[in-house]
Every structure is written in structure tokens, then in C-alpha cells.
Amino acid sequence: MQNHPGPAKSVIRSIVPPLLLSSASFIFCMHWFLLMADSLASGITTNVIPAPILSSIIAYYTVVFGSMTWMIKIVILTMLLSMTLQLTIKEISGYLRYLIFVTNAPLVFYGVFYIIPLADRFITNAATPEIQSQFARTIHAAHIASAYGTAFMIFLQLIIIIRLQRQAAAK
């Protein structure tokens, strides 16, 4: 009797790794674009970021988060679901599966439950310039950490996909 995975496991094995790579790549690109706006404030050493710079960042965030929020949230959810499902794929080394999950799931939850709501508050521009400056700096730091985490995930995911292709070719 041969050991064949069921159809559901086979579909998960063939779809999840490229789906995770695609969603992580999209999120990395979003971070790249957001960091372009965030970087306007990165060289400011005073406690309060000048109003024209804050306004520019707010305008950029309004464009990105205003019309694309639903798509970003769907991609984030897809990435989290893919990371979780990938934990069940036994053909992938356990350390790679868990390393991706452990290094990125906390960043996803931090982004969804803290940074996105903070960005929404930042966009409303209802706080004092001091508070707005703190928001901008906090969001900037979170985007840097998340961009590094996502780049690391993309690197590991490429290794996983190459290994899976080699395993398939060897059969």
C-alpha cells in the first residue's frame, strides 16, 4: 500500500507555498511604498514634525488606505491563513515552517490590531502636532520592522518552493 496524500493535502501542498510567496510579496511592496512616505519624517530630529511633512504623509496614507484598505486586509488575511496552513505541510522542513510563522505572525497581529487603527487615527489629523508626530514615528518604525520580517519570509519561502520543486522532480 502506497502512502499518497489525500486530495485536500495535495491541494494545500501545491497552492499554499506560492500563495504565501505572492501575498508576502504584495505586502512587501506595500511597505516599500509606505516607507517612501514615512521616510519624509525620518530625518527630523525635533519632537514635532513640521506641518507640511505631516500633511504630505497624511495625504499619501489617505490615498493608499482610503481606496485600497479592503484589498490590503484581504491580502494580510490570505498571508496569515497561508502561514498557518503551511504549518501542516510535512514535506517542508519543520524549522522553516515554524520560523516563518514565529517571525511574521506577531508582526501581522501587531499591524492589524495596533498599526492600522493608529494609521486611521493619524489620517483623521484630529490630534495635536506632537501626538501626530508620535503617530508618524511609531508607524514608521512598525513599517521598517514589518518590511524586514516580510523580506525574510520571502527569502525563506523561495527556499521552500525550490525544495518542493526539487522533491517533485526527484519522484
N, C-alpha and C. Protein backbone atom coordinates (compact mmCIF):
# COMPACT_ATOMS: atom_id res chain seq x y z
N MET A 1 0.84 -1.17 0.00
CA MET A 1 0.00 0.00 0.00
C MET A 1 0.89 1.24 0.00
N GLN A 2 0.66 2.11 -0.98
CA GLN A 2 1.47 3.31 -1.10
C GLN A 2 0.89 4.42 -0.24
N ASN A 3 1.77 5.30 0.20
CA ASN A 3 1.38 6.40 1.06
C ASN A 3 1.15 7.64 0.21
N HIS A 4 -0.09 7.87 -0.21
CA HIS A 4 -0.44 9.04 -1.02
C HIS A 4 -1.21 10.03 -0.16
N PRO A 5 -0.87 11.29 -0.28
CA PRO A 5 -1.65 12.28 0.47
C PRO A 5 -3.05 12.41 -0.12
N GLY A 6 -3.99 12.79 0.73
CA GLY A 6 -5.35 12.98 0.26
C GLY A 6 -5.44 14.17 -0.66
N PRO A 7 -6.57 14.32 -1.35
CA PRO A 7 -6.70 15.44 -2.29
C PRO A 7 -6.58 16.81 -1.61
N ALA A 8 -7.10 16.93 -0.39
CA ALA A 8 -7.01 18.23 0.30
C ALA A 8 -5.55 18.56 0.62
N LYS A 9 -4.81 17.58 1.12
CA LYS A 9 -3.39 17.81 1.43
C LYS A 9 -2.61 18.13 0.16
N SER A 10 -2.94 17.47 -0.92
CA SER A 10 -2.25 17.71 -2.18
C SER A 10 -2.51 19.14 -2.69
N VAL A 11 -3.74 19.60 -2.55
CA VAL A 11 -4.09 20.96 -2.96
C VAL A 11 -3.38 21.97 -2.08
N ILE A 12 -3.38 21.72 -0.77
CA ILE A 12 -2.70 22.63 0.16
C ILE A 12 -1.22 22.70 -0.18
N ARG A 13 -0.61 21.54 -0.44
CA ARG A 13 0.83 21.49 -0.74
C ARG A 13 1.16 22.24 -2.03
N SER A 14 0.27 22.19 -3.01
CA SER A 14 0.57 22.82 -4.30
C SER A 14 0.19 24.31 -4.35
N ILE A 15 -0.80 24.72 -3.56
CA ILE A 15 -1.29 26.10 -3.64
C ILE A 15 -0.70 27.01 -2.56
N VAL A 16 -0.57 26.52 -1.35
CA VAL A 16 -0.21 27.39 -0.22
C VAL A 16 1.16 28.04 -0.35
N PRO A 17 2.24 27.30 -0.67
CA PRO A 17 3.54 27.98 -0.74
C PRO A 17 3.60 29.13 -1.76
N PRO A 18 3.11 28.94 -3.00
CA PRO A 18 3.13 30.10 -3.91
C PRO A 18 2.17 31.22 -3.50
N LEU A 19 1.06 30.85 -2.87
CA LEU A 19 0.11 31.86 -2.39
C LEU A 19 0.74 32.70 -1.28
N LEU A 20 1.47 32.04 -0.38
CA LEU A 20 2.16 32.77 0.68
C LEU A 20 3.25 33.67 0.10
N LEU A 21 3.98 33.17 -0.87
CA LEU A 21 5.01 34.00 -1.52
C LEU A 21 4.38 35.21 -2.20
N SER A 22 3.28 35.01 -2.89
CA SER A 22 2.61 36.12 -3.59
C SER A 22 2.07 37.16 -2.62
N SER A 23 1.40 36.71 -1.57
CA SER A 23 0.83 37.66 -0.62
C SER A 23 1.93 38.39 0.15
N ALA A 24 3.00 37.70 0.51
CA ALA A 24 4.12 38.36 1.20
C ALA A 24 4.79 39.37 0.28
N SER A 25 4.89 39.06 -0.99
CA SER A 25 5.49 40.00 -1.95
C SER A 25 4.63 41.25 -2.08
N PHE A 26 3.33 41.08 -2.13
CA PHE A 26 2.42 42.23 -2.19
C PHE A 26 2.58 43.10 -0.94
N ILE A 27 2.61 42.46 0.22
CA ILE A 27 2.74 43.21 1.47
C ILE A 27 4.10 43.92 1.53
N PHE A 28 5.15 43.28 1.03
CA PHE A 28 6.45 43.93 1.00
C PHE A 28 6.40 45.17 0.11
N CYS A 29 5.75 45.06 -1.03
CA CYS A 29 5.62 46.22 -1.92
C CYS A 29 4.82 47.33 -1.24
N MET A 30 3.78 46.98 -0.51
CA MET A 30 3.02 48.00 0.22
C MET A 30 3.91 48.70 1.24
N HIS A 31 4.72 47.92 1.94
CA HIS A 31 5.64 48.53 2.91
C HIS A 31 6.62 49.46 2.21
N TRP A 32 7.10 49.04 1.07
CA TRP A 32 8.04 49.86 0.31
C TRP A 32 7.42 51.23 -0.01
N PHE A 33 6.19 51.21 -0.51
CA PHE A 33 5.52 52.46 -0.85
C PHE A 33 5.20 53.29 0.40
N LEU A 34 4.79 52.64 1.46
CA LEU A 34 4.50 53.37 2.70
C LEU A 34 5.77 53.96 3.30
N LEU A 35 6.87 53.24 3.18
CA LEU A 35 8.13 53.76 3.71
C LEU A 35 8.62 54.98 2.93
N MET A 36 8.22 55.08 1.67
CA MET A 36 8.57 56.30 0.93
C MET A 36 7.93 57.52 1.57
N ALA A 37 6.69 57.38 2.03
CA ALA A 37 6.04 58.49 2.72
C ALA A 37 6.61 58.66 4.12
N ASP A 38 6.79 57.54 4.83
CA ASP A 38 7.32 57.59 6.19
C ASP A 38 8.70 58.24 6.25
N SER A 39 9.50 58.00 5.24
CA SER A 39 10.88 58.48 5.28
C SER A 39 10.97 60.01 5.26
N LEU A 40 9.89 60.68 4.90
CA LEU A 40 9.89 62.15 4.96
C LEU A 40 10.15 62.63 6.38
N ALA A 41 9.70 61.85 7.35
CA ALA A 41 9.85 62.26 8.75
C ALA A 41 11.08 61.65 9.41
N SER A 42 11.77 60.76 8.74
CA SER A 42 12.86 60.03 9.40
C SER A 42 14.06 60.91 9.73
N GLY A 43 14.30 61.96 9.00
CA GLY A 43 15.44 62.83 9.27
C GLY A 43 15.16 63.96 10.23
N ILE A 44 13.92 64.09 10.66
CA ILE A 44 13.52 65.19 11.55
C ILE A 44 13.92 64.82 12.98
N THR A 45 14.72 65.66 13.60
CA THR A 45 15.20 65.37 14.95
C THR A 45 14.43 66.11 16.04
N THR A 46 13.61 67.05 15.65
CA THR A 46 12.82 67.77 16.65
C THR A 46 11.65 66.89 17.11
N ASN A 47 11.07 67.24 18.25
CA ASN A 47 9.93 66.46 18.77
C ASN A 47 8.72 66.53 17.86
N VAL A 48 8.54 67.67 17.23
CA VAL A 48 7.38 67.87 16.36
C VAL A 48 7.83 67.89 14.91
N ILE A 49 7.22 67.05 14.13
CA ILE A 49 7.49 67.03 12.69
C ILE A 49 6.77 68.22 12.08
N PRO A 50 7.42 68.99 11.20
CA PRO A 50 6.77 70.16 10.60
C PRO A 50 5.44 69.80 9.91
N ALA A 51 4.50 70.72 10.01
CA ALA A 51 3.15 70.50 9.49
C ALA A 51 3.12 70.12 8.01
N PRO A 52 3.93 70.73 7.12
CA PRO A 52 3.87 70.33 5.72
C PRO A 52 4.27 68.86 5.50
N ILE A 53 5.21 68.38 6.30
CA ILE A 53 5.63 66.97 6.17
C ILE A 53 4.52 66.05 6.68
N LEU A 54 3.95 66.39 7.84
CA LEU A 54 2.82 65.60 8.36
C LEU A 54 1.67 65.58 7.36
N SER A 55 1.37 66.73 6.79
CA SER A 55 0.28 66.81 5.81
C SER A 55 0.57 65.95 4.59
N SER A 56 1.81 65.94 4.15
CA SER A 56 2.19 65.12 3.00
C SER A 56 2.03 63.63 3.30
N ILE A 57 2.47 63.22 4.48
CA ILE A 57 2.32 61.81 4.87
C ILE A 57 0.85 61.44 4.99
N ILE A 58 0.08 62.32 5.61
CA ILE A 58 -1.36 62.07 5.76
C ILE A 58 -2.03 61.96 4.40
N ALA A 59 -1.67 62.83 3.48
CA ALA A 59 -2.26 62.77 2.13
C ALA A 59 -1.92 61.45 1.44
N TYR A 60 -0.69 61.01 1.58
CA TYR A 60 -0.27 59.75 0.96
C TYR A 60 -1.04 58.58 1.58
N TYR A 61 -1.12 58.56 2.91
CA TYR A 61 -1.84 57.49 3.59
C TYR A 61 -3.32 57.50 3.22
N THR A 62 -3.89 58.68 3.06
CA THR A 62 -5.30 58.77 2.69
C THR A 62 -5.55 58.13 1.35
N VAL A 63 -4.63 58.33 0.41
CA VAL A 63 -4.78 57.72 -0.92
C VAL A 63 -4.64 56.21 -0.82
N VAL A 64 -3.60 55.75 -0.14
CA VAL A 64 -3.34 54.31 -0.07
C VAL A 64 -4.39 53.59 0.75
N PHE A 65 -4.66 54.09 1.95
CA PHE A 65 -5.58 53.39 2.83
C PHE A 65 -7.04 53.70 2.54
N GLY A 66 -7.30 54.80 1.89
CA GLY A 66 -8.69 55.12 1.60
C GLY A 66 -9.33 54.15 0.63
N SER A 67 -8.72 53.99 -0.53
CA SER A 67 -9.35 53.15 -1.55
C SER A 67 -8.85 51.72 -1.55
N MET A 68 -7.72 51.45 -0.93
CA MET A 68 -7.15 50.10 -1.01
C MET A 68 -7.20 49.33 0.30
N THR A 69 -7.82 49.88 1.31
CA THR A 69 -7.83 49.21 2.62
C THR A 69 -8.40 47.82 2.54
N TRP A 70 -9.50 47.65 1.85
CA TRP A 70 -10.13 46.32 1.78
C TRP A 70 -9.19 45.30 1.13
N MET A 71 -8.47 45.71 0.08
CA MET A 71 -7.58 44.77 -0.60
C MET A 71 -6.38 44.42 0.28
N ILE A 72 -5.85 45.41 0.98
CA ILE A 72 -4.72 45.16 1.87
C ILE A 72 -5.13 44.19 2.97
N LYS A 73 -6.30 44.38 3.54
CA LYS A 73 -6.78 43.49 4.60
C LYS A 73 -7.00 42.07 4.09
N ILE A 74 -7.50 41.92 2.88
CA ILE A 74 -7.69 40.59 2.30
C ILE A 74 -6.34 39.91 2.09
N VAL A 75 -5.36 40.64 1.60
CA VAL A 75 -4.04 40.06 1.37
C VAL A 75 -3.38 39.70 2.70
N ILE A 76 -3.53 40.53 3.70
CA ILE A 76 -2.98 40.22 5.03
C ILE A 76 -3.63 38.96 5.58
N LEU A 77 -4.94 38.85 5.46
CA LEU A 77 -5.66 37.66 5.91
C LEU A 77 -5.20 36.42 5.13
N THR A 78 -5.04 36.56 3.83
CA THR A 78 -4.56 35.46 3.00
C THR A 78 -3.16 35.02 3.43
N MET A 79 -2.31 36.00 3.72
CA MET A 79 -0.95 35.68 4.16
C MET A 79 -0.97 34.94 5.49
N LEU A 80 -1.78 35.39 6.43
CA LEU A 80 -1.86 34.74 7.73
C LEU A 80 -2.44 33.33 7.60
N LEU A 81 -3.47 33.18 6.80
CA LEU A 81 -4.06 31.86 6.58
C LEU A 81 -3.06 30.93 5.90
N SER A 82 -2.31 31.43 4.93
CA SER A 82 -1.31 30.62 4.23
C SER A 82 -0.19 30.20 5.17
N MET A 83 0.26 31.14 6.02
CA MET A 83 1.31 30.79 7.00
C MET A 83 0.83 29.67 7.92
N THR A 84 -0.44 29.76 8.33
CA THR A 84 -1.00 28.76 9.24
C THR A 84 -1.15 27.41 8.53
N LEU A 85 -1.69 27.42 7.32
CA LEU A 85 -1.86 26.16 6.58
C LEU A 85 -0.51 25.54 6.23
N GLN A 86 0.49 26.36 6.00
CA GLN A 86 1.80 25.83 5.64
C GLN A 86 2.40 25.02 6.79
N LEU A 87 1.97 25.30 8.01
CA LEU A 87 2.44 24.53 9.15
C LEU A 87 2.07 23.05 9.04
N THR A 88 1.05 22.74 8.24
CA THR A 88 0.59 21.35 8.10
C THR A 88 1.30 20.58 6.98
N ILE A 89 2.11 21.25 6.19
CA ILE A 89 2.76 20.60 5.04
C ILE A 89 4.03 19.91 5.53
N LYS A 90 3.98 18.61 5.64
CA LYS A 90 5.09 17.83 6.20
C LYS A 90 6.29 17.74 5.25
N GLU A 91 6.11 18.01 3.98
CA GLU A 91 7.22 17.96 3.03
C GLU A 91 8.17 19.15 3.20
N ILE A 92 7.74 20.15 3.95
CA ILE A 92 8.57 21.33 4.22
C ILE A 92 9.24 21.12 5.57
N SER A 93 10.52 21.45 5.63
CA SER A 93 11.26 21.32 6.88
C SER A 93 10.54 22.06 8.00
N GLY A 94 10.44 21.41 9.15
CA GLY A 94 9.73 21.99 10.28
C GLY A 94 10.30 23.33 10.72
N TYR A 95 11.63 23.44 10.71
CA TYR A 95 12.22 24.70 11.17
C TYR A 95 11.86 25.85 10.24
N LEU A 96 11.73 25.59 8.93
CA LEU A 96 11.35 26.67 8.00
C LEU A 96 9.89 27.07 8.20
N ARG A 97 9.02 26.07 8.35
CA ARG A 97 7.60 26.36 8.56
C ARG A 97 7.39 27.21 9.81
N TYR A 98 8.01 26.78 10.90
CA TYR A 98 7.81 27.47 12.17
C TYR A 98 8.56 28.79 12.24
N LEU A 99 9.70 28.87 11.59
CA LEU A 99 10.46 30.12 11.57
C LEU A 99 9.67 31.22 10.87
N ILE A 100 9.06 30.89 9.75
CA ILE A 100 8.22 31.85 9.04
C ILE A 100 7.05 32.29 9.92
N PHE A 101 6.39 31.33 10.54
CA PHE A 101 5.22 31.66 11.35
C PHE A 101 5.60 32.48 12.58
N VAL A 102 6.64 32.05 13.28
CA VAL A 102 7.02 32.73 14.53
C VAL A 102 7.55 34.14 14.27
N THR A 103 8.25 34.34 13.17
CA THR A 103 8.81 35.67 12.90
C THR A 103 7.79 36.63 12.29
N ASN A 104 6.75 36.13 11.67
CA ASN A 104 5.83 37.02 10.97
C ASN A 104 4.43 37.12 11.55
N ALA A 105 3.91 36.08 12.17
CA ALA A 105 2.56 36.16 12.73
C ALA A 105 2.44 37.28 13.76
N PRO A 106 3.41 37.45 14.68
CA PRO A 106 3.28 38.58 15.62
C PRO A 106 3.25 39.94 14.92
N LEU A 107 4.03 40.08 13.84
CA LEU A 107 4.03 41.34 13.09
C LEU A 107 2.67 41.58 12.44
N VAL A 108 2.05 40.50 11.95
CA VAL A 108 0.72 40.63 11.33
C VAL A 108 -0.29 41.08 12.37
N PHE A 109 -0.30 40.43 13.52
CA PHE A 109 -1.26 40.81 14.56
C PHE A 109 -1.00 42.22 15.08
N TYR A 110 0.26 42.59 15.24
CA TYR A 110 0.61 43.95 15.66
C TYR A 110 0.12 44.96 14.63
N GLY A 111 0.30 44.65 13.37
CA GLY A 111 -0.15 45.55 12.31
C GLY A 111 -1.66 45.68 12.26
N VAL A 112 -2.34 44.57 12.33
CA VAL A 112 -3.80 44.58 12.20
C VAL A 112 -4.48 45.23 13.41
N PHE A 113 -3.99 44.90 14.60
CA PHE A 113 -4.69 45.36 15.80
C PHE A 113 -4.14 46.66 16.39
N TYR A 114 -2.96 47.11 15.94
CA TYR A 114 -2.43 48.34 16.51
C TYR A 114 -2.06 49.37 15.43
N ILE A 115 -1.28 48.96 14.43
CA ILE A 115 -0.77 49.94 13.46
C ILE A 115 -1.85 50.43 12.51
N ILE A 116 -2.67 49.56 11.97
CA ILE A 116 -3.74 50.02 11.06
C ILE A 116 -4.71 50.95 11.79
N PRO A 117 -5.19 50.62 12.99
CA PRO A 117 -6.02 51.60 13.71
C PRO A 117 -5.28 52.90 14.03
N LEU A 118 -3.98 52.80 14.34
CA LEU A 118 -3.20 54.00 14.60
C LEU A 118 -3.08 54.85 13.33
N ALA A 119 -2.89 54.20 12.19
CA ALA A 119 -2.84 54.93 10.92
C ALA A 119 -4.18 55.60 10.62
N ASP A 120 -5.26 54.92 10.95
CA ASP A 120 -6.59 55.53 10.76
C ASP A 120 -6.74 56.78 11.62
N ARG A 121 -6.26 56.72 12.86
CA ARG A 121 -6.30 57.90 13.74
C ARG A 121 -5.38 58.99 13.21
N PHE A 122 -4.24 58.59 12.68
CA PHE A 122 -3.28 59.55 12.12
C PHE A 122 -3.90 60.28 10.92
N ILE A 123 -4.61 59.56 10.08
CA ILE A 123 -5.22 60.14 8.88
C ILE A 123 -6.28 61.17 9.24
N THR A 124 -7.01 60.94 10.33
CA THR A 124 -8.06 61.89 10.70
C THR A 124 -7.49 63.25 11.10
N ASN A 125 -6.20 63.28 11.47
CA ASN A 125 -5.49 64.53 11.78
C ASN A 125 -6.21 65.33 12.87
N ALA A 126 -6.76 64.61 13.87
CA ALA A 126 -7.51 65.28 14.93
C ALA A 126 -6.67 65.54 16.18
N ALA A 127 -5.47 64.99 16.24
CA ALA A 127 -4.62 65.15 17.43
C ALA A 127 -3.71 66.37 17.28
N THR A 128 -3.03 66.68 18.35
CA THR A 128 -2.08 67.79 18.33
C THR A 128 -0.88 67.41 17.45
N PRO A 129 -0.11 68.39 16.98
CA PRO A 129 1.07 68.07 16.18
C PRO A 129 2.07 67.16 16.90
N GLU A 130 2.17 67.30 18.22
CA GLU A 130 3.07 66.43 18.98
C GLU A 130 2.62 64.98 18.91
N ILE A 131 1.34 64.76 19.10
CA ILE A 131 0.78 63.40 19.05
C ILE A 131 0.85 62.86 17.63
N GLN A 132 0.53 63.69 16.64
CA GLN A 132 0.62 63.28 15.24
C GLN A 132 2.07 62.87 14.90
N SER A 133 3.03 63.59 15.43
CA SER A 133 4.44 63.27 15.20
C SER A 133 4.79 61.92 15.82
N GLN A 134 4.26 61.65 17.02
CA GLN A 134 4.48 60.35 17.65
C GLN A 134 3.84 59.24 16.83
N PHE A 135 2.62 59.48 16.33
CA PHE A 135 1.96 58.50 15.47
C PHE A 135 2.84 58.19 14.26
N ALA A 136 3.32 59.25 13.60
CA ALA A 136 4.13 59.08 12.38
C ALA A 136 5.39 58.28 12.68
N ARG A 137 6.04 58.56 13.77
CA ARG A 137 7.28 57.84 14.13
C ARG A 137 6.99 56.38 14.49
N THR A 138 5.91 56.14 15.22
CA THR A 138 5.53 54.77 15.59
C THR A 138 5.19 53.95 14.35
N ILE A 139 4.42 54.53 13.45
CA ILE A 139 4.04 53.84 12.22
C ILE A 139 5.29 53.57 11.37
N HIS A 140 6.18 54.54 11.30
CA HIS A 140 7.41 54.38 10.52
C HIS A 140 8.24 53.22 11.07
N ALA A 141 8.43 53.16 12.38
CA ALA A 141 9.20 52.07 13.00
C ALA A 141 8.54 50.71 12.75
N ALA A 142 7.21 50.67 12.84
CA ALA A 142 6.49 49.42 12.60
C ALA A 142 6.64 48.98 11.14
N HIS A 143 6.59 49.92 10.22
CA HIS A 143 6.75 49.57 8.80
C HIS A 143 8.15 49.04 8.52
N ILE A 144 9.16 49.60 9.15
CA ILE A 144 10.53 49.11 8.96
C ILE A 144 10.64 47.67 9.47
N ALA A 145 10.17 47.42 10.69
CA ALA A 145 10.24 46.06 11.26
C ALA A 145 9.46 45.07 10.41
N SER A 146 8.29 45.47 9.99
CA SER A 146 7.45 44.58 9.19
C SER A 146 8.04 44.33 7.80
N ALA A 147 8.65 45.35 7.22
CA ALA A 147 9.29 45.16 5.90
C ALA A 147 10.44 44.16 6.01
N TYR A 148 11.25 44.27 7.06
CA TYR A 148 12.32 43.30 7.26
C TYR A 148 11.77 41.89 7.47
N GLY A 149 10.73 41.77 8.29
CA GLY A 149 10.12 40.47 8.52
C GLY A 149 9.55 39.87 7.25
N THR A 150 8.91 40.69 6.45
CA THR A 150 8.32 40.21 5.20
C THR A 150 9.40 39.83 4.19
N ALA A 151 10.47 40.60 4.13
CA ALA A 151 11.58 40.25 3.24
C ALA A 151 12.21 38.92 3.65
N PHE A 152 12.33 38.70 4.96
CA PHE A 152 12.85 37.43 5.47
C PHE A 152 11.92 36.29 5.09
N MET A 153 10.60 36.51 5.19
CA MET A 153 9.63 35.49 4.81
C MET A 153 9.74 35.17 3.32
N ILE A 154 9.89 36.17 2.49
CA ILE A 154 10.02 35.95 1.05
C ILE A 154 11.25 35.11 0.76
N PHE A 155 12.36 35.43 1.40
CA PHE A 155 13.60 34.66 1.22
C PHE A 155 13.39 33.19 1.61
N LEU A 156 12.81 32.95 2.79
CA LEU A 156 12.58 31.58 3.23
C LEU A 156 11.56 30.86 2.34
N GLN A 157 10.56 31.60 1.89
CA GLN A 157 9.53 31.00 1.05
C GLN A 157 10.11 30.59 -0.30
N LEU A 158 11.05 31.36 -0.83
CA LEU A 158 11.72 30.96 -2.07
C LEU A 158 12.51 29.67 -1.86
N ILE A 159 13.16 29.55 -0.74
CA ILE A 159 13.88 28.30 -0.42
C ILE A 159 12.91 27.13 -0.37
N ILE A 160 11.77 27.34 0.27
CA ILE A 160 10.76 26.28 0.38
C ILE A 160 10.26 25.85 -0.99
N ILE A 161 9.93 26.81 -1.83
CA ILE A 161 9.39 26.48 -3.14
C ILE A 161 10.43 25.75 -3.99
N ILE A 162 11.68 26.18 -3.93
CA ILE A 162 12.74 25.49 -4.68
C ILE A 162 12.89 24.06 -4.19
N ARG A 163 12.88 23.86 -2.88
CA ARG A 163 12.99 22.50 -2.33
C ARG A 163 11.81 21.63 -2.73
N LEU A 164 10.60 22.19 -2.70
CA LEU A 164 9.42 21.41 -3.10
C LEU A 164 9.49 21.03 -4.57
N GLN A 165 9.98 21.94 -5.41
CA GLN A 165 10.13 21.62 -6.83
C GLN A 165 11.16 20.53 -7.05
N ARG A 166 12.24 20.58 -6.30
CA ARG A 166 13.26 19.52 -6.39
C ARG A 166 12.73 18.18 -5.93
N GLN A 167 11.92 18.18 -4.86
CA GLN A 167 11.32 16.95 -4.39
C GLN A 167 10.38 16.37 -5.43
N ALA A 168 9.60 17.23 -6.08
CA ALA A 168 8.66 16.78 -7.11
C ALA A 168 9.40 16.23 -8.32
N ALA A 169 10.52 16.84 -8.68
CA ALA A 169 11.29 16.39 -9.83
C ALA A 169 12.00 15.07 -9.55
N ALA A 170 12.33 14.82 -8.29
CA ALA A 170 13.02 13.59 -7.92
C ALA A 170 12.08 12.38 -7.90
N LYS A 171 10.79 12.62 -7.85
CA LYS A 171 9.82 11.50 -7.78
C LYS A 171 9.58 10.90 -9.11
